[in-house]
PDB file of all heavy atoms in Angstrom:
ATOM      1  N   ALA A   1     -17.511 -41.184  -7.446  1.00  0.00           N
ATOM      2  CA  ALA A   1     -17.190 -41.926  -6.275  1.00  0.00           C
ATOM      3  C   ALA A   1     -16.501 -43.350  -6.654  1.00  0.00           C
ATOM      4  O   ALA A   1     -16.167 -44.098  -5.749  1.00  0.00           O
ATOM      5  CB  ALA A   1     -18.379 -42.187  -5.472  1.00  0.00           C
ATOM      6  N   GLY A   2     -16.363 -43.589  -7.941  1.00  0.00           N
ATOM      7  CA  GLY A   2     -15.673 -44.798  -8.356  1.00  0.00           C
ATOM      8  C   GLY A   2     -16.600 -45.877  -8.747  1.00  0.00           C
ATOM      9  O   GLY A   2     -16.108 -46.916  -9.107  1.00  0.00           O
ATOM     10  N   PHE A   3     -17.870 -45.711  -8.681  1.00  0.00           N
ATOM     11  CA  PHE A   3     -18.840 -46.720  -8.984  1.00  0.00           C
ATOM     12  C   PHE A   3     -19.249 -46.556 -10.445  1.00  0.00           C
ATOM     13  O   PHE A   3     -20.280 -45.884 -10.867  1.00  0.00           O
ATOM     14  CB  PHE A   3     -20.034 -46.654  -8.114  1.00  0.00           C
ATOM     15  CG  PHE A   3     -20.954 -47.764  -8.232  1.00  0.00           C
ATOM     16  CD1 PHE A   3     -20.687 -49.091  -7.910  1.00  0.00           C
ATOM     17  CD2 PHE A   3     -22.312 -47.584  -8.821  1.00  0.00           C
ATOM     18  CE1 PHE A   3     -21.552 -50.113  -7.999  1.00  0.00           C
ATOM     19  CE2 PHE A   3     -23.209 -48.612  -9.008  1.00  0.00           C
ATOM     20  CZ  PHE A   3     -22.809 -49.900  -8.563  1.00  0.00           C
ATOM     21  N   ASP A   4     -18.342 -46.999 -11.304  1.00  0.00           N
ATOM     22  CA  ASP A   4     -18.584 -46.950 -12.694  1.00  0.00           C
ATOM     23  C   ASP A   4     -17.696 -47.857 -13.522  1.00  0.00           C
ATOM     24  O   ASP A   4     -16.627 -48.298 -13.009  1.00  0.00           O
ATOM     25  CB  ASP A   4     -18.310 -45.500 -13.122  1.00  0.00           C
ATOM     26  CG  ASP A   4     -18.780 -45.079 -14.536  1.00  0.00           C
ATOM     27  OD1 ASP A   4     -19.607 -45.861 -15.040  1.00  0.00           O
ATOM     28  OD2 ASP A   4     -18.286 -44.062 -15.006  1.00  0.00           O
ATOM     29  N   TRP A   5     -18.124 -48.349 -14.667  1.00  0.00           N
ATOM     30  CA  TRP A   5     -17.331 -49.111 -15.537  1.00  0.00           C
ATOM     31  C   TRP A   5     -16.332 -48.220 -16.239  1.00  0.00           C
ATOM     32  O   TRP A   5     -16.533 -47.092 -16.532  1.00  0.00           O
ATOM     33  CB  TRP A   5     -18.179 -49.816 -16.606  1.00  0.00           C
ATOM     34  CG  TRP A   5     -18.904 -50.949 -16.217  1.00  0.00           C
ATOM     35  CD1 TRP A   5     -18.449 -52.103 -15.553  1.00  0.00           C
ATOM     36  CD2 TRP A   5     -20.324 -51.168 -16.128  1.00  0.00           C
ATOM     37  NE1 TRP A   5     -19.441 -52.956 -15.377  1.00  0.00           N
ATOM     38  CE2 TRP A   5     -20.551 -52.446 -15.674  1.00  0.00           C
ATOM     39  CE3 TRP A   5     -21.424 -50.379 -16.677  1.00  0.00           C
ATOM     40  CZ2 TRP A   5     -21.910 -52.930 -15.593  1.00  0.00           C
ATOM     41  CZ3 TRP A   5     -22.661 -50.878 -16.558  1.00  0.00           C
ATOM     42  CH2 TRP A   5     -22.918 -52.112 -16.032  1.00  0.00           C
ATOM     43  N   ASP A   6     -15.063 -48.907 -16.383  1.00  0.00           N
ATOM     44  CA  ASP A   6     -13.955 -48.086 -16.975  1.00  0.00           C
ATOM     45  C   ASP A   6     -13.772 -48.428 -18.432  1.00  0.00           C
ATOM     46  O   ASP A   6     -12.746 -48.005 -19.125  1.00  0.00           O
ATOM     47  CB  ASP A   6     -12.667 -48.387 -16.231  1.00  0.00           C
ATOM     48  CG  ASP A   6     -12.280 -49.794 -16.108  1.00  0.00           C
ATOM     49  OD1 ASP A   6     -13.028 -50.625 -16.700  1.00  0.00           O
ATOM     50  OD2 ASP A   6     -11.317 -50.168 -15.352  1.00  0.00           O
ATOM     51  N   ALA A   7     -14.712 -49.179 -18.945  1.00  0.00           N
ATOM     52  CA  ALA A   7     -14.668 -49.460 -20.400  1.00  0.00           C
ATOM     53  C   ALA A   7     -16.067 -49.428 -20.988  1.00  0.00           C
ATOM     54  O   ALA A   7     -17.094 -49.557 -20.293  1.00  0.00           O
ATOM     55  CB  ALA A   7     -13.982 -50.886 -20.603  1.00  0.00           C
ATOM     56  N   LEU A   8     -16.165 -49.353 -22.338  1.00  0.00           N
ATOM     57  CA  LEU A   8     -17.409 -49.248 -23.032  1.00  0.00           C
ATOM     58  C   LEU A   8     -18.153 -50.664 -23.069  1.00  0.00           C
ATOM     59  O   LEU A   8     -19.318 -50.712 -23.106  1.00  0.00           O
ATOM     60  CB  LEU A   8     -17.254 -48.663 -24.348  1.00  0.00           C
ATOM     61  CG  LEU A   8     -18.512 -48.194 -25.135  1.00  0.00           C
ATOM     62  CD1 LEU A   8     -19.378 -47.209 -24.359  1.00  0.00           C
ATOM     63  CD2 LEU A   8     -18.182 -47.609 -26.478  1.00  0.00           C
ATOM     64  N   SER A   9     -17.339 -51.672 -23.213  1.00  0.00           N
ATOM     65  CA  SER A   9     -17.955 -53.101 -23.546  1.00  0.00           C
ATOM     66  C   SER A   9     -18.977 -53.418 -22.493  1.00  0.00           C
ATOM     67  O   SER A   9     -20.017 -53.848 -22.845  1.00  0.00           O
ATOM     68  CB  SER A   9     -16.776 -54.082 -23.527  1.00  0.00           C
ATOM     69  OG  SER A   9     -17.345 -55.343 -23.722  1.00  0.00           O
ATOM     70  N   PRO A  10     -18.717 -53.430 -21.116  1.00  0.00           N
ATOM     71  CA  PRO A  10     -19.784 -53.814 -20.185  1.00  0.00           C
ATOM     72  C   PRO A  10     -20.970 -52.907 -20.255  1.00  0.00           C
ATOM     73  O   PRO A  10     -22.102 -53.338 -19.896  1.00  0.00           O
ATOM     74  CB  PRO A  10     -18.977 -53.647 -18.826  1.00  0.00           C
ATOM     75  CG  PRO A  10     -17.896 -52.781 -18.948  1.00  0.00           C
ATOM     76  CD  PRO A  10     -17.452 -53.011 -20.563  1.00  0.00           C
ATOM     77  N   VAL A  11     -20.804 -51.627 -20.621  1.00  0.00           N
ATOM     78  CA  VAL A  11     -21.920 -50.686 -20.729  1.00  0.00           C
ATOM     79  C   VAL A  11     -22.903 -51.244 -21.862  1.00  0.00           C
ATOM     80  O   VAL A  11     -24.134 -51.286 -21.655  1.00  0.00           O
ATOM     81  CB  VAL A  11     -21.420 -49.279 -20.988  1.00  0.00           C
ATOM     82  CG1 VAL A  11     -22.680 -48.365 -21.279  1.00  0.00           C
ATOM     83  CG2 VAL A  11     -20.540 -48.773 -19.940  1.00  0.00           C
ATOM     84  N   LEU A  12     -22.246 -51.608 -22.960  1.00  0.00           N
ATOM     85  CA  LEU A  12     -23.062 -52.119 -24.109  1.00  0.00           C
ATOM     86  C   LEU A  12     -23.730 -53.506 -23.717  1.00  0.00           C
ATOM     87  O   LEU A  12     -24.852 -53.777 -24.118  1.00  0.00           O
ATOM     88  CB  LEU A  12     -22.179 -52.301 -25.289  1.00  0.00           C
ATOM     89  CG  LEU A  12     -21.709 -51.017 -25.920  1.00  0.00           C
ATOM     90  CD1 LEU A  12     -20.599 -51.240 -26.933  1.00  0.00           C
ATOM     91  CD2 LEU A  12     -22.820 -50.327 -26.574  1.00  0.00           C
ATOM     92  N   ASP A  13     -22.969 -54.351 -23.001  1.00  0.00           N
ATOM     93  CA  ASP A  13     -23.527 -55.630 -22.601  1.00  0.00           C
ATOM     94  C   ASP A  13     -24.712 -55.384 -21.676  1.00  0.00           C
ATOM     95  O   ASP A  13     -25.854 -56.120 -21.682  1.00  0.00           O
ATOM     96  CB  ASP A  13     -22.457 -56.418 -21.829  1.00  0.00           C
ATOM     97  CG  ASP A  13     -21.335 -56.854 -22.783  1.00  0.00           C
ATOM     98  OD1 ASP A  13     -21.546 -56.887 -24.038  1.00  0.00           O
ATOM     99  OD2 ASP A  13     -20.235 -57.211 -22.218  1.00  0.00           O
ATOM    100  N   LYS A  14     -24.607 -54.485 -20.816  1.00  0.00           N
ATOM    101  CA  LYS A  14     -25.763 -54.178 -19.859  1.00  0.00           C
ATOM    102  C   LYS A  14     -27.009 -53.647 -20.623  1.00  0.00           C
ATOM    103  O   LYS A  14     -28.086 -54.067 -20.297  1.00  0.00           O
ATOM    104  CB  LYS A  14     -25.353 -53.102 -18.780  1.00  0.00           C
ATOM    105  CG  LYS A  14     -26.321 -52.835 -17.737  1.00  0.00           C
ATOM    106  CD  LYS A  14     -26.630 -54.042 -16.906  1.00  0.00           C
ATOM    107  CE  LYS A  14     -27.644 -53.785 -15.807  1.00  0.00           C
ATOM    108  NZ  LYS A  14     -28.077 -55.005 -15.077  1.00  0.00           N
ATOM    109  N   LEU A  15     -26.772 -52.796 -21.606  1.00  0.00           N
ATOM    110  CA  LEU A  15     -27.903 -52.316 -22.306  1.00  0.00           C
ATOM    111  C   LEU A  15     -28.577 -53.538 -23.141  1.00  0.00           C
ATOM    112  O   LEU A  15     -29.809 -53.653 -23.229  1.00  0.00           O
ATOM    113  CB  LEU A  15     -27.365 -51.377 -23.413  1.00  0.00           C
ATOM    114  CG  LEU A  15     -28.421 -50.804 -24.357  1.00  0.00           C
ATOM    115  CD1 LEU A  15     -29.593 -50.214 -23.650  1.00  0.00           C
ATOM    116  CD2 LEU A  15     -27.781 -49.713 -25.329  1.00  0.00           C
ATOM    117  N   GLN A  16     -27.807 -54.446 -23.673  1.00  0.00           N
ATOM    118  CA  GLN A  16     -28.349 -55.496 -24.419  1.00  0.00           C
ATOM    119  C   GLN A  16     -29.064 -56.441 -23.424  1.00  0.00           C
ATOM    120  O   GLN A  16     -30.178 -56.905 -23.749  1.00  0.00           O
ATOM    121  CB  GLN A  16     -27.104 -56.419 -25.047  1.00  0.00           C
ATOM    122  CG  GLN A  16     -27.716 -57.534 -25.936  1.00  0.00           C
ATOM    123  CD  GLN A  16     -28.617 -57.146 -26.998  1.00  0.00           C
ATOM    124  OE1 GLN A  16     -28.419 -56.161 -27.711  1.00  0.00           O
ATOM    125  NE2 GLN A  16     -29.761 -57.915 -27.088  1.00  0.00           N
ATOM    126  N   GLU A  17     -28.506 -56.644 -22.210  1.00  0.00           N
ATOM    127  CA  GLU A  17     -29.256 -57.410 -21.236  1.00  0.00           C
ATOM    128  C   GLU A  17     -30.591 -56.910 -20.843  1.00  0.00           C
ATOM    129  O   GLU A  17     -31.574 -57.570 -20.686  1.00  0.00           O
ATOM    130  CB  GLU A  17     -28.322 -57.498 -20.021  1.00  0.00           C
ATOM    131  CG  GLU A  17     -28.935 -58.206 -18.776  1.00  0.00           C
ATOM    132  CD  GLU A  17     -28.125 -58.057 -17.585  1.00  0.00           C
ATOM    133  OE1 GLU A  17     -26.796 -58.001 -17.616  1.00  0.00           O
ATOM    134  OE2 GLU A  17     -28.714 -57.922 -16.439  1.00  0.00           O
ATOM    135  N   GLU A  18     -30.637 -55.509 -20.750  1.00  0.00           N
ATOM    136  CA  GLU A  18     -31.881 -54.822 -20.375  1.00  0.00           C
ATOM    137  C   GLU A  18     -32.952 -54.975 -21.455  1.00  0.00           C
ATOM    138  O   GLU A  18     -34.121 -55.183 -21.138  1.00  0.00           O
ATOM    139  CB  GLU A  18     -31.635 -53.406 -19.989  1.00  0.00           C
ATOM    140  CG  GLU A  18     -30.760 -53.059 -18.828  1.00  0.00           C
ATOM    141  CD  GLU A  18     -31.311 -53.587 -17.521  1.00  0.00           C
ATOM    142  OE1 GLU A  18     -32.465 -54.204 -17.414  1.00  0.00           O
ATOM    143  OE2 GLU A  18     -30.518 -53.520 -16.510  1.00  0.00           O
ATOM    144  N   ILE A  19     -32.488 -54.867 -22.713  1.00  0.00           N
ATOM    145  CA  ILE A  19     -33.410 -55.003 -23.822  1.00  0.00           C
ATOM    146  C   ILE A  19     -33.974 -56.490 -23.896  1.00  0.00           C
ATOM    147  O   ILE A  19     -35.188 -56.660 -24.110  1.00  0.00           O
ATOM    148  CB  ILE A  19     -32.634 -54.748 -25.087  1.00  0.00           C
ATOM    149  CG1 ILE A  19     -32.317 -53.210 -25.238  1.00  0.00           C
ATOM    150  CG2 ILE A  19     -33.569 -55.081 -26.314  1.00  0.00           C
ATOM    151  CD1 ILE A  19     -31.451 -52.902 -26.380  1.00  0.00           C
ATOM    152  N   GLU A  20     -33.123 -57.482 -23.630  1.00  0.00           N
ATOM    153  CA  GLU A  20     -33.535 -58.848 -23.660  1.00  0.00           C
ATOM    154  C   GLU A  20     -34.718 -59.042 -22.433  1.00  0.00           C
ATOM    155  O   GLU A  20     -35.536 -59.772 -22.618  1.00  0.00           O
ATOM    156  CB  GLU A  20     -32.399 -59.817 -23.360  1.00  0.00           C
ATOM    157  CG  GLU A  20     -31.505 -59.815 -24.566  1.00  0.00           C
ATOM    158  CD  GLU A  20     -30.226 -60.612 -24.317  1.00  0.00           C
ATOM    159  OE1 GLU A  20     -30.034 -61.092 -23.229  1.00  0.00           O
ATOM    160  OE2 GLU A  20     -29.385 -60.732 -25.314  1.00  0.00           O
ATOM    161  N   GLU A  21     -34.495 -58.274 -21.283  1.00  0.00           N
ATOM    162  CA  GLU A  21     -35.403 -58.435 -20.178  1.00  0.00           C
ATOM    163  C   GLU A  21     -36.755 -57.852 -20.525  1.00  0.00           C
ATOM    164  O   GLU A  21     -37.790 -58.276 -20.083  1.00  0.00           O
ATOM    165  CB  GLU A  21     -34.771 -57.935 -19.020  1.00  0.00           C
ATOM    166  CG  GLU A  21     -33.608 -58.537 -18.339  1.00  0.00           C
ATOM    167  CD  GLU A  21     -33.044 -58.069 -17.140  1.00  0.00           C
ATOM    168  OE1 GLU A  21     -33.526 -56.949 -16.650  1.00  0.00           O
ATOM    169  OE2 GLU A  21     -31.952 -58.605 -16.582  1.00  0.00           O
ATOM    170  N   VAL A  22     -36.715 -56.807 -21.298  1.00  0.00           N
ATOM    171  CA  VAL A  22     -37.932 -56.071 -21.785  1.00  0.00           C
ATOM    172  C   VAL A  22     -38.722 -57.149 -22.629  1.00  0.00           C
ATOM    173  O   VAL A  22     -39.908 -57.450 -22.427  1.00  0.00           O
ATOM    174  CB  VAL A  22     -37.635 -54.912 -22.645  1.00  0.00           C
ATOM    175  CG1 VAL A  22     -38.942 -54.490 -23.275  1.00  0.00           C
ATOM    176  CG2 VAL A  22     -37.249 -53.753 -21.817  1.00  0.00           C
ATOM    177  N   MET A  23     -38.050 -57.847 -23.645  1.00  0.00           N
ATOM    178  CA  MET A  23     -38.706 -58.767 -24.424  1.00  0.00           C
ATOM    179  C   MET A  23     -39.097 -59.987 -23.680  1.00  0.00           C
ATOM    180  O   MET A  23     -40.197 -60.618 -24.007  1.00  0.00           O
ATOM    181  CB  MET A  23     -37.646 -59.191 -25.620  1.00  0.00           C
ATOM    182  CG  MET A  23     -37.267 -58.047 -26.499  1.00  0.00           C
ATOM    183  SD  MET A  23     -38.636 -57.004 -27.025  1.00  0.00           S
ATOM    184  CE  MET A  23     -39.691 -58.182 -27.855  1.00  0.00           C
ATOM    185  N   ALA A  24     -38.356 -60.365 -22.628  1.00  0.00           N
ATOM    186  CA  ALA A  24     -38.849 -61.486 -21.889  1.00  0.00           C
ATOM    187  C   ALA A  24     -40.218 -61.176 -21.146  1.00  0.00           C
ATOM    188  O   ALA A  24     -41.129 -61.995 -21.092  1.00  0.00           O
ATOM    189  CB  ALA A  24     -37.770 -61.809 -20.834  1.00  0.00           C
ATOM    190  N   GLU A  25     -40.317 -60.014 -20.702  1.00  0.00           N
ATOM    191  CA  GLU A  25     -41.545 -59.611 -20.077  1.00  0.00           C
ATOM    192  C   GLU A  25     -42.789 -59.446 -21.149  1.00  0.00           C
ATOM    193  O   GLU A  25     -43.817 -59.769 -20.813  1.00  0.00           O
ATOM    194  CB  GLU A  25     -41.492 -58.254 -19.345  1.00  0.00           C
ATOM    195  CG  GLU A  25     -40.565 -58.282 -18.087  1.00  0.00           C
ATOM    196  CD  GLU A  25     -41.192 -59.162 -16.973  1.00  0.00           C
ATOM    197  OE1 GLU A  25     -42.371 -59.480 -17.064  1.00  0.00           O
ATOM    198  OE2 GLU A  25     -40.444 -59.658 -16.125  1.00  0.00           O
ATOM    199  N   VAL A  26     -42.340 -58.871 -22.215  1.00  0.00           N
ATOM    200  CA  VAL A  26     -43.381 -58.709 -23.406  1.00  0.00           C
ATOM    201  C   VAL A  26     -43.888 -60.074 -23.818  1.00  0.00           C
ATOM    202  O   VAL A  26     -45.109 -60.295 -24.015  1.00  0.00           O
ATOM    203  CB  VAL A  26     -42.739 -57.901 -24.514  1.00  0.00           C
ATOM    204  CG1 VAL A  26     -43.739 -57.996 -25.724  1.00  0.00           C
ATOM    205  CG2 VAL A  26     -42.521 -56.513 -24.190  1.00  0.00           C
ATOM    206  N   ASN A  27     -43.027 -61.066 -23.826  1.00  0.00           N
ATOM    207  CA  ASN A  27     -43.387 -62.388 -24.422  1.00  0.00           C
ATOM    208  C   ASN A  27     -43.753 -63.328 -23.332  1.00  0.00           C
ATOM    209  O   ASN A  27     -44.038 -64.527 -23.602  1.00  0.00           O
ATOM    210  CB  ASN A  27     -42.238 -62.998 -25.201  1.00  0.00           C
ATOM    211  CG  ASN A  27     -41.989 -62.185 -26.450  1.00  0.00           C
ATOM    212  OD1 ASN A  27     -42.797 -61.658 -27.044  1.00  0.00           O
ATOM    213  ND2 ASN A  27     -40.676 -62.006 -26.715  1.00  0.00           N
ATOM    214  N   ALA A  28     -43.952 -62.866 -22.077  1.00  0.00           N
ATOM    215  CA  ALA A  28     -44.411 -63.809 -20.946  1.00  0.00           C
ATOM    216  C   ALA A  28     -45.761 -64.267 -21.208  1.00  0.00           C
ATOM    217  O   ALA A  28     -46.674 -63.599 -21.935  1.00  0.00           O
ATOM    218  CB  ALA A  28     -44.225 -62.960 -19.673  1.00  0.00           C
ATOM    219  N   PRO A  29     -46.088 -65.440 -20.761  1.00  0.00           N
ATOM    220  CA  PRO A  29     -47.510 -65.983 -20.869  1.00  0.00           C
ATOM    221  C   PRO A  29     -48.522 -65.057 -20.433  1.00  0.00           C
ATOM    222  O   PRO A  29     -49.642 -64.978 -21.004  1.00  0.00           O
ATOM    223  CB  PRO A  29     -47.424 -67.302 -20.047  1.00  0.00           C
ATOM    224  CG  PRO A  29     -45.912 -67.682 -19.996  1.00  0.00           C
ATOM    225  CD  PRO A  29     -45.223 -66.356 -19.914  1.00  0.00           C
ATOM    226  N   ASP A  30     -48.259 -64.368 -19.285  1.00  0.00           N
ATOM    227  CA  ASP A  30     -49.272 -63.437 -18.799  1.00  0.00           C
ATOM    228  C   ASP A  30     -48.502 -62.057 -18.572  1.00  0.00           C
ATOM    229  O   ASP A  30     -48.116 -61.745 -17.413  1.00  0.00           O
ATOM    230  CB  ASP A  30     -49.812 -63.877 -17.456  1.00  0.00           C
ATOM    231  CG  ASP A  30     -50.968 -62.925 -16.965  1.00  0.00           C
ATOM    232  OD1 ASP A  30     -51.544 -62.145 -17.666  1.00  0.00           O
ATOM    233  OD2 ASP A  30     -51.301 -63.060 -15.764  1.00  0.00           O
ATOM    234  N   PRO A  31     -48.390 -61.285 -19.570  1.00  0.00           N
ATOM    235  CA  PRO A  31     -47.432 -60.052 -19.554  1.00  0.00           C
ATOM    236  C   PRO A  31     -47.972 -59.124 -18.451  1.00  0.00           C
ATOM    237  O   PRO A  31     -49.256 -58.894 -18.330  1.00  0.00           O
ATOM    238  CB  PRO A  31     -47.565 -59.414 -20.969  1.00  0.00           C
ATOM    239  CG  PRO A  31     -47.996 -60.560 -21.838  1.00  0.00           C
ATOM    240  CD  PRO A  31     -48.824 -61.451 -20.993  1.00  0.00           C
ATOM    241  N   SER A  32     -47.046 -58.522 -17.713  1.00  0.00           N
ATOM    242  CA  SER A  32     -47.427 -57.468 -16.709  1.00  0.00           C
ATOM    243  C   SER A  32     -46.984 -56.093 -17.280  1.00  0.00           C
ATOM    244  O   SER A  32     -45.775 -55.905 -17.439  1.00  0.00           O
ATOM    245  CB  SER A  32     -46.716 -57.817 -15.359  1.00  0.00           C
ATOM    246  OG  SER A  32     -46.765 -56.719 -14.469  1.00  0.00           O
ATOM    247  N   GLN A  33     -48.021 -55.308 -17.322  1.00  0.00           N
ATOM    248  CA  GLN A  33     -47.657 -53.946 -17.831  1.00  0.00           C
ATOM    249  C   GLN A  33     -46.649 -53.149 -16.880  1.00  0.00           C
ATOM    250  O   GLN A  33     -45.836 -52.454 -17.309  1.00  0.00           O
ATOM    251  CB  GLN A  33     -48.928 -53.072 -18.067  1.00  0.00           C
ATOM    252  CG  GLN A  33     -48.771 -51.769 -18.831  1.00  0.00           C
ATOM    253  CD  GLN A  33     -48.263 -52.089 -20.307  1.00  0.00           C
ATOM    254  OE1 GLN A  33     -48.661 -53.162 -20.885  1.00  0.00           O
ATOM    255  NE2 GLN A  33     -47.545 -51.102 -20.829  1.00  0.00           N
ATOM    256  N   ALA A  34     -46.870 -53.370 -15.643  1.00  0.00           N
ATOM    257  CA  ALA A  34     -45.957 -52.782 -14.567  1.00  0.00           C
ATOM    258  C   ALA A  34     -44.559 -53.289 -14.775  1.00  0.00           C
ATOM    259  O   ALA A  34     -43.637 -52.454 -14.702  1.00  0.00           O
ATOM    260  CB  ALA A  34     -46.514 -53.012 -13.173  1.00  0.00           C
ATOM    261  N   ALA A  35     -44.473 -54.612 -15.028  1.00  0.00           N
ATOM    262  CA  ALA A  35     -43.114 -55.207 -15.150  1.00  0.00           C
ATOM    263  C   ALA A  35     -42.373 -54.698 -16.433  1.00  0.00           C
ATOM    264  O   ALA A  35     -41.311 -54.358 -16.494  1.00  0.00           O
ATOM    265  CB  ALA A  35     -43.252 -56.637 -15.219  1.00  0.00           C
ATOM    266  N   ILE A  36     -43.287 -54.554 -17.525  1.00  0.00           N
ATOM    267  CA  ILE A  36     -42.725 -54.041 -18.803  1.00  0.00           C
ATOM    268  C   ILE A  36     -42.186 -52.572 -18.638  1.00  0.00           C
ATOM    269  O   ILE A  36     -41.153 -52.255 -19.073  1.00  0.00           O
ATOM    270  CB  ILE A  36     -43.773 -54.141 -19.944  1.00  0.00           C
ATOM    271  CG1 ILE A  36     -44.181 -55.557 -20.217  1.00  0.00           C
ATOM    272  CG2 ILE A  36     -43.303 -53.437 -21.228  1.00  0.00           C
ATOM    273  CD1 ILE A  36     -45.316 -55.708 -21.170  1.00  0.00           C
ATOM    274  N   GLU A  37     -42.964 -51.847 -17.928  1.00  0.00           N
ATOM    275  CA  GLU A  37     -42.595 -50.432 -17.714  1.00  0.00           C
ATOM    276  C   GLU A  37     -41.284 -50.338 -16.906  1.00  0.00           C
ATOM    277  O   GLU A  37     -40.467 -49.566 -17.160  1.00  0.00           O
ATOM    278  CB  GLU A  37     -43.707 -49.696 -16.886  1.00  0.00           C
ATOM    279  CG  GLU A  37     -43.384 -48.191 -16.560  1.00  0.00           C
ATOM    280  CD  GLU A  37     -44.471 -47.504 -15.734  1.00  0.00           C
ATOM    281  OE1 GLU A  37     -45.345 -48.205 -15.275  1.00  0.00           O
ATOM    282  OE2 GLU A  37     -44.397 -46.312 -15.572  1.00  0.00           O
ATOM    283  N   ASP A  38     -41.178 -51.273 -15.948  1.00  0.00           N
ATOM    284  CA  ASP A  38     -39.994 -51.239 -15.104  1.00  0.00           C
ATOM    285  C   ASP A  38     -38.707 -51.578 -15.908  1.00  0.00           C
ATOM    286  O   ASP A  38     -37.732 -50.894 -15.723  1.00  0.00           O
ATOM    287  CB  ASP A  38     -40.164 -52.268 -14.026  1.00  0.00           C
ATOM    288  CG  ASP A  38     -38.996 -52.298 -13.026  1.00  0.00           C
ATOM    289  OD1 ASP A  38     -38.828 -51.231 -12.369  1.00  0.00           O
ATOM    290  OD2 ASP A  38     -38.317 -53.316 -12.893  1.00  0.00           O
ATOM    291  N   GLU A  39     -38.926 -52.557 -16.855  1.00  0.00           N
ATOM    292  CA  GLU A  39     -37.787 -52.961 -17.650  1.00  0.00           C
ATOM    293  C   GLU A  39     -37.447 -51.885 -18.751  1.00  0.00           C
ATOM    294  O   GLU A  39     -36.265 -51.699 -19.085  1.00  0.00           O
ATOM    295  CB  GLU A  39     -38.003 -54.223 -18.338  1.00  0.00           C
ATOM    296  CG  GLU A  39     -38.212 -55.486 -17.395  1.00  0.00           C
ATOM    297  CD  GLU A  39     -37.047 -55.732 -16.560  1.00  0.00           C
ATOM    298  OE1 GLU A  39     -35.914 -55.259 -16.903  1.00  0.00           O
ATOM    299  OE2 GLU A  39     -37.113 -56.430 -15.505  1.00  0.00           O
ATOM    300  N   ILE A  40     -38.443 -51.220 -19.235  1.00  0.00           N
ATOM    301  CA  ILE A  40     -38.183 -50.162 -20.180  1.00  0.00           C
ATOM    302  C   ILE A  40     -37.462 -49.049 -19.453  1.00  0.00           C
ATOM    303  O   ILE A  40     -36.550 -48.489 -20.001  1.00  0.00           O
ATOM    304  CB  ILE A  40     -39.610 -49.574 -20.741  1.00  0.00           C
ATOM    305  CG1 ILE A  40     -40.274 -50.542 -21.619  1.00  0.00           C
ATOM    306  CG2 ILE A  40     -39.359 -48.248 -21.355  1.00  0.00           C
ATOM    307  CD1 ILE A  40     -39.504 -50.620 -23.102  1.00  0.00           C
ATOM    308  N   GLY A  41     -37.804 -48.720 -18.236  1.00  0.00           N
ATOM    309  CA  GLY A  41     -37.088 -47.790 -17.458  1.00  0.00           C
ATOM    310  C   GLY A  41     -35.536 -48.055 -17.401  1.00  0.00           C
ATOM    311  O   GLY A  41     -34.705 -47.238 -17.488  1.00  0.00           O
ATOM    312  N   ASP A  42     -35.273 -49.355 -17.053  1.00  0.00           N
ATOM    313  CA  ASP A  42     -33.878 -49.909 -17.057  1.00  0.00           C
ATOM    314  C   ASP A  42     -33.137 -49.685 -18.311  1.00  0.00           C
ATOM    315  O   ASP A  42     -31.967 -49.303 -18.459  1.00  0.00           O
ATOM    316  CB  ASP A  42     -33.836 -51.359 -16.618  1.00  0.00           C
ATOM    317  CG  ASP A  42     -34.213 -51.628 -15.190  1.00  0.00           C
ATOM    318  OD1 ASP A  42     -34.358 -50.556 -14.430  1.00  0.00           O
ATOM    319  OD2 ASP A  42     -34.601 -52.698 -14.812  1.00  0.00           O
TER     320      ASP A  42
END
């Protein structure tokens, strides 16, 4: 339907962003297992 990136670079950037969000949840002062699971899914 056209909802897609047309290059690989933003795909890699998004993956890196999602990994960073996982680590942000893991290193949070009060880590939430549900939030970590959600970010791992992403």
